Amino acid sequence: MENAVPLNDYITSIPVYSLPRILKISSGVYLQSSIYDIAGSECCLSTGDLLKVVGKELLSVCIVDIQTGKKQHLQKDFKGVFQVSVDNCVYDTFGDLHKKLCCKHHGRTYWFTSETDFTVGENIIKKLLPIQLYSTDRINCCGECYVFEDPDSYYIKIPLPTKGKFYEWENKELYTLEQILQDPGLSKQNFRCTTMGTGTYRLCPEYEIKTIMQ
């Protein structure tokens, strides 16, 4: 089914304040008739079932080294800090970059630039200037941005179809584990964490959800 994603990935991608949500199981596990209560709070979900998600609770967090695949469990009160690791991919439109860096259900601020000059209306934005996206105008399909051109900065709306050679601009902002898990757009990124080592890491949270079966 189009747009179907693993349940845990979907739950990770939505903020708590957006609940409740109605989900349809596009491919489930079927165990002889409609028996849902298995081993206490666990349940069997059959293809086509509807469920209303009314809450989610973090059970555990794994950190995975991108290079080696090694997994380690983190305490939920882990005190280390994380820095976003940019992937250095170049995108032909601002929209392609935005799709990569933002979650469907929740946006985040980020920094980016372009290898080439690009045009927005009557404005020509010079190459390699740092640009900060701070909000997305979904109605008009554009990003609300600040362009930083020493010694000044200015506000501009950049349409998602704008063509250029866009890539994420690395910044030094640090995030706690709690901040990352509360921001679905941020949680899909890769990170560096000196507390854990010199590698690039991905966070893999596991949630328990509270649901009402339909």
N, C-alpha and C. Protein backbone atom coordinates (compact mmCIF):
# COMPACT_ATOMS: atom_id res chain seq x y z
N MET A 1 0.84 -1.20 0.00
CA MET A 1 0.00 0.00 0.00
C MET A 1 0.88 1.25 0.00
N GLU A 2 0.49 2.23 -0.81
CA GLU A 2 1.27 3.47 -0.92
C GLU A 2 1.34 4.18 0.42
N ASN A 3 2.52 4.68 0.75
CA ASN A 3 2.76 5.45 1.97
C ASN A 3 2.74 4.60 3.24
N ALA A 4 2.68 3.29 3.13
CA ALA A 4 2.72 2.44 4.31
C ALA A 4 4.14 2.40 4.87
N VAL A 5 4.26 2.49 6.19
CA VAL A 5 5.57 2.46 6.85
C VAL A 5 5.48 1.52 8.05
N PRO A 6 6.62 1.00 8.53
CA PRO A 6 6.60 0.19 9.75
C PRO A 6 5.98 0.97 10.91
N LEU A 7 5.25 0.26 11.77
CA LEU A 7 4.52 0.92 12.84
C LEU A 7 5.44 1.72 13.75
N ASN A 8 6.58 1.15 14.14
CA ASN A 8 7.47 1.87 15.05
C ASN A 8 8.04 3.14 14.40
N ASP A 9 8.33 3.07 13.08
CA ASP A 9 8.82 4.25 12.37
C ASP A 9 7.77 5.35 12.37
N TYR A 10 6.52 4.95 12.16
CA TYR A 10 5.44 5.94 12.14
C TYR A 10 5.26 6.58 13.51
N ILE A 11 5.25 5.75 14.55
CA ILE A 11 5.06 6.28 15.90
C ILE A 11 6.21 7.21 16.28
N THR A 12 7.42 6.87 15.87
CA THR A 12 8.56 7.74 16.13
C THR A 12 8.40 9.08 15.44
N SER A 13 7.74 9.10 14.29
CA SER A 13 7.67 10.30 13.46
C SER A 13 6.59 11.29 13.89
N ILE A 14 5.76 10.93 14.85
CA ILE A 14 4.67 11.83 15.23
C ILE A 14 4.86 12.34 16.66
N PRO A 15 4.67 13.64 16.87
CA PRO A 15 4.77 14.19 18.22
C PRO A 15 3.57 13.81 19.07
N VAL A 16 3.76 13.74 20.37
CA VAL A 16 2.69 13.34 21.28
C VAL A 16 1.49 14.27 21.16
N TYR A 17 1.77 15.58 20.97
CA TYR A 17 0.66 16.53 20.96
C TYR A 17 -0.27 16.35 19.75
N SER A 18 0.18 15.57 18.73
CA SER A 18 -0.66 15.36 17.55
C SER A 18 -1.66 14.21 17.74
N LEU A 19 -1.55 13.49 18.84
CA LEU A 19 -2.46 12.38 19.11
C LEU A 19 -3.79 12.93 19.64
N PRO A 20 -4.91 12.18 19.42
CA PRO A 20 -4.99 10.83 18.84
C PRO A 20 -4.94 10.83 17.31
N ARG A 21 -4.59 9.66 16.77
CA ARG A 21 -4.60 9.43 15.32
C ARG A 21 -5.21 8.06 15.03
N ILE A 22 -5.88 7.98 13.90
CA ILE A 22 -6.47 6.72 13.45
C ILE A 22 -5.54 6.07 12.43
N LEU A 23 -5.15 4.82 12.67
CA LEU A 23 -4.27 4.09 11.76
C LEU A 23 -4.99 2.88 11.18
N LYS A 24 -4.59 2.53 9.96
CA LYS A 24 -5.06 1.30 9.34
C LYS A 24 -3.87 0.40 9.09
N ILE A 25 -3.97 -0.85 9.51
CA ILE A 25 -2.89 -1.81 9.33
C ILE A 25 -2.91 -2.32 7.89
N SER A 26 -1.86 -2.02 7.13
CA SER A 26 -1.82 -2.43 5.72
C SER A 26 -1.25 -3.83 5.55
N SER A 27 -0.46 -4.28 6.52
CA SER A 27 0.07 -5.64 6.48
C SER A 27 0.33 -6.07 7.91
N GLY A 28 -0.51 -6.95 8.43
CA GLY A 28 -0.42 -7.32 9.84
C GLY A 28 -0.14 -8.79 10.05
N VAL A 29 -0.11 -9.17 11.32
CA VAL A 29 0.11 -10.56 11.72
C VAL A 29 -1.24 -11.15 12.11
N TYR A 30 -1.63 -12.24 11.48
CA TYR A 30 -2.95 -12.82 11.71
C TYR A 30 -2.79 -14.18 12.38
N LEU A 31 -3.43 -14.34 13.53
CA LEU A 31 -3.34 -15.59 14.28
C LEU A 31 -4.72 -16.19 14.51
N GLN A 32 -5.28 -16.86 13.52
CA GLN A 32 -6.52 -17.61 13.67
C GLN A 32 -7.61 -16.81 14.37
N SER A 33 -8.45 -16.20 13.62
CA SER A 33 -9.58 -15.41 14.09
C SER A 33 -9.12 -14.11 14.73
N SER A 34 -10.05 -13.34 15.23
CA SER A 34 -9.76 -12.00 15.73
C SER A 34 -9.49 -12.01 17.22
N ILE A 35 -8.35 -12.56 17.61
CA ILE A 35 -7.95 -12.58 19.01
C ILE A 35 -6.87 -11.53 19.21
N TYR A 36 -7.13 -10.57 20.08
CA TYR A 36 -6.21 -9.45 20.23
C TYR A 36 -5.43 -9.47 21.53
N ASP A 37 -5.99 -9.99 22.61
CA ASP A 37 -5.31 -9.97 23.90
C ASP A 37 -4.35 -11.14 24.00
N ILE A 38 -3.07 -10.85 23.87
CA ILE A 38 -2.04 -11.88 23.92
C ILE A 38 -0.97 -11.43 24.89
N ALA A 39 -0.70 -12.24 25.92
CA ALA A 39 0.37 -11.93 26.88
C ALA A 39 0.21 -10.54 27.47
N GLY A 40 -0.94 -10.30 28.06
CA GLY A 40 -1.14 -9.02 28.75
C GLY A 40 -1.50 -7.91 27.80
N SER A 41 -0.59 -6.94 27.64
CA SER A 41 -0.90 -5.75 26.85
C SER A 41 -0.55 -5.89 25.37
N GLU A 42 0.06 -7.02 24.97
CA GLU A 42 0.41 -7.21 23.57
C GLU A 42 -0.81 -7.63 22.78
N CYS A 43 -0.78 -7.38 21.48
CA CYS A 43 -1.94 -7.76 20.67
C CYS A 43 -1.51 -8.19 19.28
N CYS A 44 -2.41 -8.89 18.61
CA CYS A 44 -2.20 -9.32 17.23
C CYS A 44 -2.96 -8.36 16.33
N LEU A 45 -2.27 -7.79 15.34
CA LEU A 45 -2.89 -6.83 14.44
C LEU A 45 -3.05 -7.47 13.07
N SER A 46 -4.26 -7.53 12.58
CA SER A 46 -4.54 -8.14 11.29
C SER A 46 -4.63 -7.08 10.20
N THR A 47 -4.32 -7.47 8.98
CA THR A 47 -4.42 -6.56 7.85
C THR A 47 -5.83 -5.98 7.75
N GLY A 48 -5.91 -4.67 7.63
CA GLY A 48 -7.20 -4.00 7.53
C GLY A 48 -7.75 -3.49 8.85
N ASP A 49 -7.17 -3.92 9.97
CA ASP A 49 -7.64 -3.44 11.27
C ASP A 49 -7.43 -1.93 11.40
N LEU A 50 -8.34 -1.30 12.12
CA LEU A 50 -8.21 0.12 12.47
C LEU A 50 -7.92 0.23 13.95
N LEU A 51 -7.04 1.15 14.31
CA LEU A 51 -6.79 1.40 15.71
C LEU A 51 -6.59 2.89 15.92
N LYS A 52 -7.05 3.34 17.06
CA LYS A 52 -6.92 4.74 17.44
C LYS A 52 -5.78 4.84 18.45
N VAL A 53 -4.70 5.53 18.07
CA VAL A 53 -3.55 5.70 18.94
C VAL A 53 -3.80 6.91 19.83
N VAL A 54 -3.86 6.68 21.14
CA VAL A 54 -4.18 7.77 22.07
C VAL A 54 -2.98 8.18 22.92
N GLY A 55 -1.89 7.42 22.87
CA GLY A 55 -0.71 7.78 23.65
C GLY A 55 0.47 6.91 23.27
N LYS A 56 1.66 7.37 23.62
CA LYS A 56 2.86 6.56 23.40
C LYS A 56 3.83 6.79 24.55
N GLU A 57 4.58 5.73 24.88
CA GLU A 57 5.53 5.79 25.98
C GLU A 57 6.86 5.20 25.52
N LEU A 58 7.94 5.92 25.78
CA LEU A 58 9.27 5.45 25.39
C LEU A 58 9.68 4.27 26.26
N LEU A 59 10.04 3.15 25.61
CA LEU A 59 10.51 1.97 26.34
C LEU A 59 12.03 1.92 26.42
N SER A 60 12.69 2.16 25.29
CA SER A 60 14.14 2.07 25.26
C SER A 60 14.68 2.83 24.05
N VAL A 61 16.00 3.09 24.08
CA VAL A 61 16.66 3.75 22.95
C VAL A 61 17.95 3.01 22.64
N CYS A 62 18.14 2.65 21.38
CA CYS A 62 19.41 2.09 20.91
C CYS A 62 20.13 3.14 20.07
N ILE A 63 21.45 3.13 20.14
CA ILE A 63 22.25 3.97 19.27
C ILE A 63 23.06 3.03 18.37
N VAL A 64 22.99 3.27 17.07
CA VAL A 64 23.60 2.37 16.08
C VAL A 64 24.72 3.11 15.36
N ASP A 65 25.90 2.51 15.33
CA ASP A 65 27.02 3.05 14.57
C ASP A 65 26.77 2.79 13.08
N ILE A 66 26.68 3.85 12.29
CA ILE A 66 26.34 3.72 10.87
C ILE A 66 27.37 2.88 10.12
N GLN A 67 28.64 3.01 10.47
CA GLN A 67 29.70 2.32 9.75
C GLN A 67 29.78 0.84 10.11
N THR A 68 29.68 0.51 11.39
CA THR A 68 29.89 -0.87 11.84
C THR A 68 28.60 -1.64 12.08
N GLY A 69 27.49 -0.92 12.27
CA GLY A 69 26.23 -1.57 12.61
C GLY A 69 26.11 -1.97 14.07
N LYS A 70 27.13 -1.65 14.88
CA LYS A 70 27.11 -2.00 16.29
C LYS A 70 26.04 -1.21 17.03
N LYS A 71 25.28 -1.93 17.88
CA LYS A 71 24.21 -1.30 18.65
C LYS A 71 24.58 -1.23 20.12
N GLN A 72 24.18 -0.14 20.74
CA GLN A 72 24.32 0.01 22.19
C GLN A 72 23.03 0.60 22.74
N HIS A 73 22.66 0.14 23.92
CA HIS A 73 21.47 0.69 24.57
C HIS A 73 21.86 1.92 25.38
N LEU A 74 21.01 2.95 25.31
CA LEU A 74 21.21 4.16 26.09
C LEU A 74 20.20 4.22 27.23
N GLN A 75 20.63 4.74 28.35
CA GLN A 75 19.69 5.05 29.42
C GLN A 75 18.79 6.20 28.97
N LYS A 76 17.55 6.19 29.40
CA LYS A 76 16.63 7.25 28.98
C LYS A 76 17.03 8.61 29.53
N ASP A 77 17.87 8.61 30.58
CA ASP A 77 18.37 9.88 31.12
C ASP A 77 19.82 10.13 30.70
N PHE A 78 20.23 9.59 29.55
CA PHE A 78 21.59 9.75 29.03
C PHE A 78 21.98 11.23 29.02
N LYS A 79 23.16 11.54 29.54
CA LYS A 79 23.57 12.94 29.73
C LYS A 79 24.44 13.48 28.60
N GLY A 80 24.86 12.63 27.66
CA GLY A 80 25.69 13.12 26.56
C GLY A 80 24.91 14.02 25.62
N VAL A 81 25.63 14.74 24.76
CA VAL A 81 24.98 15.62 23.80
C VAL A 81 25.34 15.19 22.38
N PHE A 82 24.49 15.57 21.44
CA PHE A 82 24.61 15.13 20.06
C PHE A 82 24.69 16.33 19.12
N GLN A 83 25.41 16.14 18.02
CA GLN A 83 25.49 17.14 16.96
C GLN A 83 25.08 16.48 15.66
N VAL A 84 24.22 17.16 14.89
CA VAL A 84 23.76 16.60 13.62
C VAL A 84 24.94 16.39 12.68
N SER A 85 24.99 15.22 12.06
CA SER A 85 26.01 14.91 11.06
C SER A 85 25.38 15.05 9.68
N VAL A 86 25.81 16.04 8.92
CA VAL A 86 25.21 16.27 7.61
C VAL A 86 25.70 15.20 6.63
N ASP A 87 24.86 14.91 5.62
CA ASP A 87 25.21 13.82 4.70
C ASP A 87 25.93 14.31 3.44
N ASN A 88 26.03 15.63 3.26
CA ASN A 88 26.77 16.23 2.14
C ASN A 88 26.16 15.93 0.77
N CYS A 89 24.95 15.40 0.74
CA CYS A 89 24.28 15.20 -0.55
C CYS A 89 23.82 16.55 -1.10
N VAL A 90 23.89 16.69 -2.42
CA VAL A 90 23.47 17.92 -3.09
C VAL A 90 22.15 17.66 -3.80
N TYR A 91 21.19 18.59 -3.66
CA TYR A 91 19.86 18.42 -4.21
C TYR A 91 19.57 19.51 -5.24
N ASP A 92 18.89 19.14 -6.32
CA ASP A 92 18.64 20.07 -7.42
C ASP A 92 17.54 21.08 -7.14
N THR A 93 16.68 20.79 -6.17
CA THR A 93 15.65 21.76 -5.77
C THR A 93 15.64 21.89 -4.26
N PHE A 94 15.17 23.03 -3.80
CA PHE A 94 15.02 23.25 -2.37
C PHE A 94 14.04 22.24 -1.77
N GLY A 95 13.01 21.90 -2.54
CA GLY A 95 12.02 20.94 -2.06
C GLY A 95 12.60 19.57 -1.79
N ASP A 96 13.54 19.13 -2.64
CA ASP A 96 14.18 17.82 -2.42
C ASP A 96 14.98 17.82 -1.12
N LEU A 97 15.70 18.91 -0.88
CA LEU A 97 16.45 19.03 0.38
C LEU A 97 15.50 19.06 1.56
N HIS A 98 14.44 19.82 1.43
CA HIS A 98 13.48 19.98 2.53
C HIS A 98 12.82 18.64 2.87
N LYS A 99 12.50 17.86 1.85
CA LYS A 99 11.89 16.55 2.08
C LYS A 99 12.82 15.64 2.86
N LYS A 100 14.12 15.74 2.57
CA LYS A 100 15.11 14.93 3.27
C LYS A 100 15.24 15.34 4.74
N LEU A 101 15.20 16.64 5.01
CA LEU A 101 15.52 17.13 6.34
C LEU A 101 14.31 17.30 7.25
N CYS A 102 13.12 17.30 6.68
CA CYS A 102 11.92 17.50 7.50
C CYS A 102 11.05 16.27 7.48
N CYS A 103 10.40 16.05 8.61
CA CYS A 103 9.46 14.95 8.75
C CYS A 103 8.11 15.39 8.19
N LYS A 104 7.35 14.46 7.62
CA LYS A 104 6.04 14.77 7.05
C LYS A 104 5.12 15.40 8.08
N HIS A 105 5.22 14.95 9.31
CA HIS A 105 4.27 15.37 10.33
C HIS A 105 4.79 16.48 11.22
N HIS A 106 6.05 16.82 11.07
CA HIS A 106 6.62 17.80 11.99
C HIS A 106 7.91 18.36 11.39
N GLY A 107 7.96 19.67 11.26
CA GLY A 107 9.14 20.29 10.68
C GLY A 107 10.19 20.61 11.73
N ARG A 108 11.35 21.01 11.29
CA ARG A 108 12.39 21.47 12.19
C ARG A 108 13.17 22.57 11.50
N THR A 109 13.83 23.39 12.27
CA THR A 109 14.70 24.40 11.69
C THR A 109 16.01 23.74 11.27
N TYR A 110 16.61 24.27 10.23
CA TYR A 110 17.91 23.76 9.81
C TYR A 110 18.61 24.84 8.98
N TRP A 111 19.91 24.64 8.78
CA TRP A 111 20.72 25.55 7.98
C TRP A 111 21.08 24.87 6.66
N PHE A 112 21.12 25.66 5.59
CA PHE A 112 21.51 25.11 4.30
C PHE A 112 22.14 26.20 3.45
N THR A 113 22.66 25.81 2.29
CA THR A 113 23.24 26.76 1.35
C THR A 113 23.14 26.15 -0.05
N SER A 114 23.66 26.86 -1.04
CA SER A 114 23.67 26.36 -2.41
C SER A 114 25.05 26.56 -3.02
N GLU A 115 25.48 25.57 -3.80
CA GLU A 115 26.77 25.67 -4.49
C GLU A 115 26.74 26.71 -5.61
N THR A 116 25.54 27.07 -6.04
CA THR A 116 25.39 28.04 -7.13
C THR A 116 24.46 29.17 -6.71
N ASP A 117 24.55 30.31 -7.38
CA ASP A 117 23.55 31.36 -7.19
C ASP A 117 22.19 30.80 -7.58
N PHE A 118 21.13 31.28 -6.91
CA PHE A 118 19.79 30.88 -7.31
C PHE A 118 18.84 32.07 -7.18
N THR A 119 17.73 31.99 -7.90
CA THR A 119 16.81 33.12 -8.00
C THR A 119 15.51 32.83 -7.28
N VAL A 120 15.06 33.81 -6.50
CA VAL A 120 13.74 33.75 -5.85
C VAL A 120 13.03 35.04 -6.23
N GLY A 121 12.06 34.95 -7.13
CA GLY A 121 11.40 36.16 -7.61
C GLY A 121 12.40 37.05 -8.32
N GLU A 122 12.53 38.29 -7.82
CA GLU A 122 13.49 39.23 -8.39
C GLU A 122 14.81 39.23 -7.64
N ASN A 123 14.93 38.37 -6.64
CA ASN A 123 16.14 38.32 -5.81
C ASN A 123 17.09 37.24 -6.29
N ILE A 124 18.35 37.58 -6.37
CA ILE A 124 19.40 36.59 -6.65
C ILE A 124 20.16 36.34 -5.35
N ILE A 125 20.11 35.11 -4.87
CA ILE A 125 20.80 34.74 -3.64
C ILE A 125 22.14 34.11 -4.03
N LYS A 126 23.20 34.70 -3.53
CA LYS A 126 24.54 34.29 -3.93
C LYS A 126 24.89 32.92 -3.35
N LYS A 127 25.75 32.24 -4.06
CA LYS A 127 26.17 30.90 -3.64
C LYS A 127 26.91 30.95 -2.30
N LEU A 128 26.78 29.85 -1.56
CA LEU A 128 27.50 29.59 -0.32
C LEU A 128 27.14 30.52 0.84
N LEU A 129 26.04 31.27 0.71
CA LEU A 129 25.57 32.05 1.85
C LEU A 129 24.82 31.13 2.81
N PRO A 130 25.06 31.25 4.12
CA PRO A 130 24.29 30.45 5.08
C PRO A 130 22.84 30.92 5.13
N ILE A 131 21.92 29.97 5.08
CA ILE A 131 20.48 30.26 5.11
C ILE A 131 19.85 29.40 6.19
N GLN A 132 18.99 30.01 6.99
CA GLN A 132 18.30 29.26 8.05
C GLN A 132 16.82 29.18 7.74
N LEU A 133 16.31 27.96 7.65
CA LEU A 133 14.87 27.76 7.57
C LEU A 133 14.33 27.67 8.99
N TYR A 134 13.31 28.47 9.29
CA TYR A 134 12.74 28.41 10.63
C TYR A 134 11.28 28.01 10.64
N SER A 135 10.64 28.00 9.47
CA SER A 135 9.24 27.61 9.42
C SER A 135 8.88 27.20 7.99
N THR A 136 7.86 26.35 7.87
CA THR A 136 7.39 25.92 6.55
C THR A 136 5.96 26.39 6.33
N ASP A 137 5.73 27.10 5.24
CA ASP A 137 4.39 27.53 4.85
C ASP A 137 3.83 26.45 3.93
N ARG A 138 3.07 25.52 4.50
CA ARG A 138 2.58 24.38 3.73
C ARG A 138 1.48 24.79 2.76
N ILE A 139 0.75 25.85 3.06
CA ILE A 139 -0.32 26.29 2.17
C ILE A 139 0.26 26.81 0.85
N ASN A 140 1.32 27.62 0.95
CA ASN A 140 1.93 28.20 -0.24
C ASN A 140 3.17 27.43 -0.72
N CYS A 141 3.47 26.31 -0.06
CA CYS A 141 4.59 25.43 -0.47
C CYS A 141 5.90 26.18 -0.56
N CYS A 142 6.29 26.78 0.55
CA CYS A 142 7.56 27.50 0.57
C CYS A 142 8.15 27.45 1.98
N GLY A 143 9.43 27.73 2.07
CA GLY A 143 10.11 27.80 3.35
C GLY A 143 10.32 29.25 3.75
N GLU A 144 10.06 29.56 5.01
CA GLU A 144 10.32 30.90 5.53
C GLU A 144 11.74 30.91 6.08
N CYS A 145 12.58 31.74 5.50
CA CYS A 145 14.02 31.64 5.74
C CYS A 145 14.64 33.00 6.06
N TYR A 146 15.81 32.93 6.68
CA TYR A 146 16.69 34.09 6.83
C TYR A 146 17.99 33.80 6.08
N VAL A 147 18.38 34.74 5.24
CA VAL A 147 19.64 34.65 4.51
C VAL A 147 20.66 35.55 5.21
N PHE A 148 21.83 35.02 5.49
CA PHE A 148 22.86 35.76 6.22
C PHE A 148 23.97 36.17 5.26
N GLU A 149 24.02 37.47 5.00
CA GLU A 149 25.03 38.04 4.12
C GLU A 149 25.72 39.16 4.89
N ASP A 150 26.92 38.89 5.39
CA ASP A 150 27.61 39.83 6.28
C ASP A 150 27.58 41.25 5.73
N PRO A 151 27.28 42.22 6.61
CA PRO A 151 27.00 42.05 8.05
C PRO A 151 25.51 41.94 8.36
N ASP A 152 24.68 41.73 7.34
CA ASP A 152 23.24 41.78 7.52
C ASP A 152 22.59 40.42 7.28
N SER A 153 21.32 40.34 7.65
CA SER A 153 20.50 39.19 7.31
C SER A 153 19.14 39.71 6.86
N TYR A 154 18.44 38.92 6.07
CA TYR A 154 17.12 39.35 5.62
C TYR A 154 16.20 38.15 5.49
N TYR A 155 14.90 38.42 5.61
CA TYR A 155 13.86 37.39 5.55
C TYR A 155 13.40 37.20 4.11
N ILE A 156 13.15 35.95 3.75
CA ILE A 156 12.65 35.67 2.41
C ILE A 156 11.90 34.34 2.42
N LYS A 157 10.86 34.25 1.60
CA LYS A 157 10.16 32.98 1.40
C LYS A 157 10.73 32.31 0.15
N ILE A 158 11.20 31.08 0.30
CA ILE A 158 11.79 30.35 -0.81
C ILE A 158 10.83 29.22 -1.22
N PRO A 159 10.25 29.28 -2.43
CA PRO A 159 9.36 28.21 -2.89
C PRO A 159 10.09 26.87 -2.96
N LEU A 160 9.39 25.80 -2.62
CA LEU A 160 10.01 24.48 -2.63
C LEU A 160 10.53 24.06 -4.02
N PRO A 161 9.89 24.47 -5.14
CA PRO A 161 10.42 24.07 -6.45
C PRO A 161 11.67 24.83 -6.89
N THR A 162 12.15 25.78 -6.07
CA THR A 162 13.31 26.59 -6.46
C THR A 162 14.50 25.71 -6.82
N LYS A 163 15.13 26.01 -7.97
CA LYS A 163 16.27 25.21 -8.44
C LYS A 163 17.59 25.82 -7.98
N GLY A 164 18.53 24.94 -7.66
CA GLY A 164 19.86 25.34 -7.24
C GLY A 164 20.69 24.08 -7.03
N LYS A 165 21.72 24.19 -6.23
CA LYS A 165 22.52 23.03 -5.82
C LYS A 165 22.61 23.07 -4.30
N PHE A 166 21.54 22.59 -3.66
CA PHE A 166 21.35 22.78 -2.23
C PHE A 166 21.93 21.64 -1.41
N TYR A 167 22.48 21.99 -0.28
CA TYR A 167 22.93 20.97 0.68
C TYR A 167 22.87 21.55 2.09
N GLU A 168 22.84 20.65 3.06
CA GLU A 168 22.74 21.09 4.45
C GLU A 168 24.04 21.74 4.90
N TRP A 169 23.88 22.84 5.63
CA TRP A 169 25.02 23.58 6.18
C TRP A 169 25.26 23.07 7.59
N GLU A 170 26.47 22.63 7.84
CA GLU A 170 26.77 22.08 9.17
C GLU A 170 26.86 23.19 10.20
N ASN A 171 26.13 23.03 11.30
CA ASN A 171 26.23 24.00 12.39
C ASN A 171 26.65 23.28 13.66
N LYS A 172 26.99 24.03 14.66
CA LYS A 172 27.58 23.47 15.87
C LYS A 172 26.57 23.29 17.01
N GLU A 173 25.30 23.43 16.70
CA GLU A 173 24.30 23.31 17.76
C GLU A 173 24.29 21.90 18.35
N LEU A 174 24.15 21.83 19.67
CA LEU A 174 24.15 20.56 20.38
C LEU A 174 22.76 20.26 20.91
N TYR A 175 22.41 18.96 20.95
CA TYR A 175 21.09 18.53 21.38
C TYR A 175 21.21 17.43 22.42
N THR A 176 20.30 17.44 23.38
CA THR A 176 20.21 16.35 24.34
C THR A 176 19.36 15.24 23.74
N LEU A 177 19.44 14.06 24.34
CA LEU A 177 18.62 12.94 23.88
C LEU A 177 17.14 13.30 23.95
N GLU A 178 16.74 13.96 25.02
CA GLU A 178 15.33 14.34 25.19
C GLU A 178 14.88 15.27 24.08
N GLN A 179 15.71 16.25 23.73
CA GLN A 179 15.35 17.18 22.66
C GLN A 179 15.15 16.46 21.34
N ILE A 180 16.02 15.52 21.04
CA ILE A 180 15.92 14.78 19.78
C ILE A 180 14.65 13.95 19.74
N LEU A 181 14.36 13.24 20.81
CA LEU A 181 13.19 12.36 20.82
C LEU A 181 11.89 13.14 20.79
N GLN A 182 11.90 14.38 21.24
CA GLN A 182 10.69 15.20 21.21
C GLN A 182 10.48 15.89 19.87
N ASP A 183 11.44 15.79 18.98
CA ASP A 183 11.36 16.46 17.68
C ASP A 183 11.45 15.42 16.57
N PRO A 184 10.30 14.96 16.04
CA PRO A 184 10.34 13.91 15.02
C PRO A 184 11.16 14.28 13.79
N GLY A 185 11.17 15.55 13.42
CA GLY A 185 11.98 15.97 12.28
C GLY A 185 13.46 15.82 12.55
N LEU A 186 13.87 16.09 13.78
CA LEU A 186 15.27 15.97 14.17
C LEU A 186 15.68 14.52 14.37
N SER A 187 14.77 13.71 14.89
CA SER A 187 15.13 12.33 15.25
C SER A 187 15.47 11.46 14.05
N LYS A 188 15.11 11.89 12.84
CA LYS A 188 15.43 11.09 11.65
C LYS A 188 16.85 11.35 11.14
N GLN A 189 17.57 12.30 11.77
CA GLN A 189 18.91 12.64 11.32
C GLN A 189 19.96 11.68 11.90
N ASN A 190 21.16 11.73 11.35
CA ASN A 190 22.31 11.04 11.92
C ASN A 190 23.10 12.03 12.78
N PHE A 191 23.83 11.50 13.77
CA PHE A 191 24.48 12.36 14.76
C PHE A 191 25.91 11.91 15.05
N ARG A 192 26.65 12.84 15.61
CA ARG A 192 27.93 12.54 16.25
C ARG A 192 27.74 12.74 17.74
N CYS A 193 28.45 11.93 18.52
CA CYS A 193 28.36 12.03 19.98
C CYS A 193 29.71 11.61 20.55
N THR A 194 30.48 12.58 21.04
CA THR A 194 31.83 12.28 21.53
C THR A 194 31.81 11.37 22.74
N THR A 195 30.70 11.37 23.48
CA THR A 195 30.59 10.47 24.63
C THR A 195 30.61 9.01 24.20
N MET A 196 30.06 8.74 23.01
CA MET A 196 29.95 7.37 22.51
C MET A 196 31.14 6.96 21.65
N GLY A 197 31.85 7.91 21.06
CA GLY A 197 32.97 7.57 20.19
C GLY A 197 33.11 8.56 19.06
N THR A 198 33.84 8.17 18.03
CA THR A 198 34.13 9.07 16.91
C THR A 198 33.27 8.79 15.68
N GLY A 199 32.35 7.87 15.77
CA GLY A 199 31.55 7.48 14.61
C GLY A 199 30.36 8.38 14.36
N THR A 200 29.59 7.99 13.36
CA THR A 200 28.31 8.63 13.05
C THR A 200 27.21 7.66 13.47
N TYR A 201 26.20 8.18 14.16
CA TYR A 201 25.23 7.31 14.81
C TYR A 201 23.79 7.65 14.41
N ARG A 202 22.96 6.63 14.52
CA ARG A 202 21.52 6.79 14.34
C ARG A 202 20.82 6.35 15.62
N LEU A 203 19.84 7.11 16.06
CA LEU A 203 19.08 6.76 17.25
C LEU A 203 17.85 5.95 16.86
N CYS A 204 17.59 4.86 17.59
CA CYS A 204 16.47 3.98 17.29
C CYS A 204 15.62 3.80 18.55
N PRO A 205 14.65 4.68 18.76
CA PRO A 205 13.79 4.53 19.94
C PRO A 205 12.72 3.46 19.72
N GLU A 206 12.30 2.84 20.80
CA GLU A 206 11.21 1.87 20.76
C GLU A 206 10.11 2.35 21.70
N TYR A 207 8.88 2.35 21.19
CA TYR A 207 7.76 2.88 21.96
C TYR A 207 6.71 1.81 22.21
N GLU A 208 6.00 1.99 23.30
CA GLU A 208 4.76 1.27 23.54
C GLU A 208 3.63 2.25 23.30
N ILE A 209 2.62 1.82 22.55
CA ILE A 209 1.51 2.72 22.25
C ILE A 209 0.24 2.27 22.97
N LYS A 210 -0.56 3.25 23.33
CA LYS A 210 -1.87 3.00 23.92
C LYS A 210 -2.91 3.21 22.83
N THR A 211 -3.74 2.19 22.62
CA THR A 211 -4.67 2.25 21.49
C THR A 211 -6.07 1.84 21.90
N ILE A 212 -7.00 2.23 21.07
CA ILE A 212 -8.38 1.75 21.14
C ILE A 212 -8.66 1.03 19.83
N MET A 213 -9.01 -0.24 19.89
CA MET A 213 -9.26 -1.02 18.68
C MET A 213 -10.63 -0.66 18.13
N GLN A 214 -10.68 -0.54 16.81
CA GLN A 214 -11.94 -0.20 16.14
C GLN A 214 -12.58 -1.46 15.56
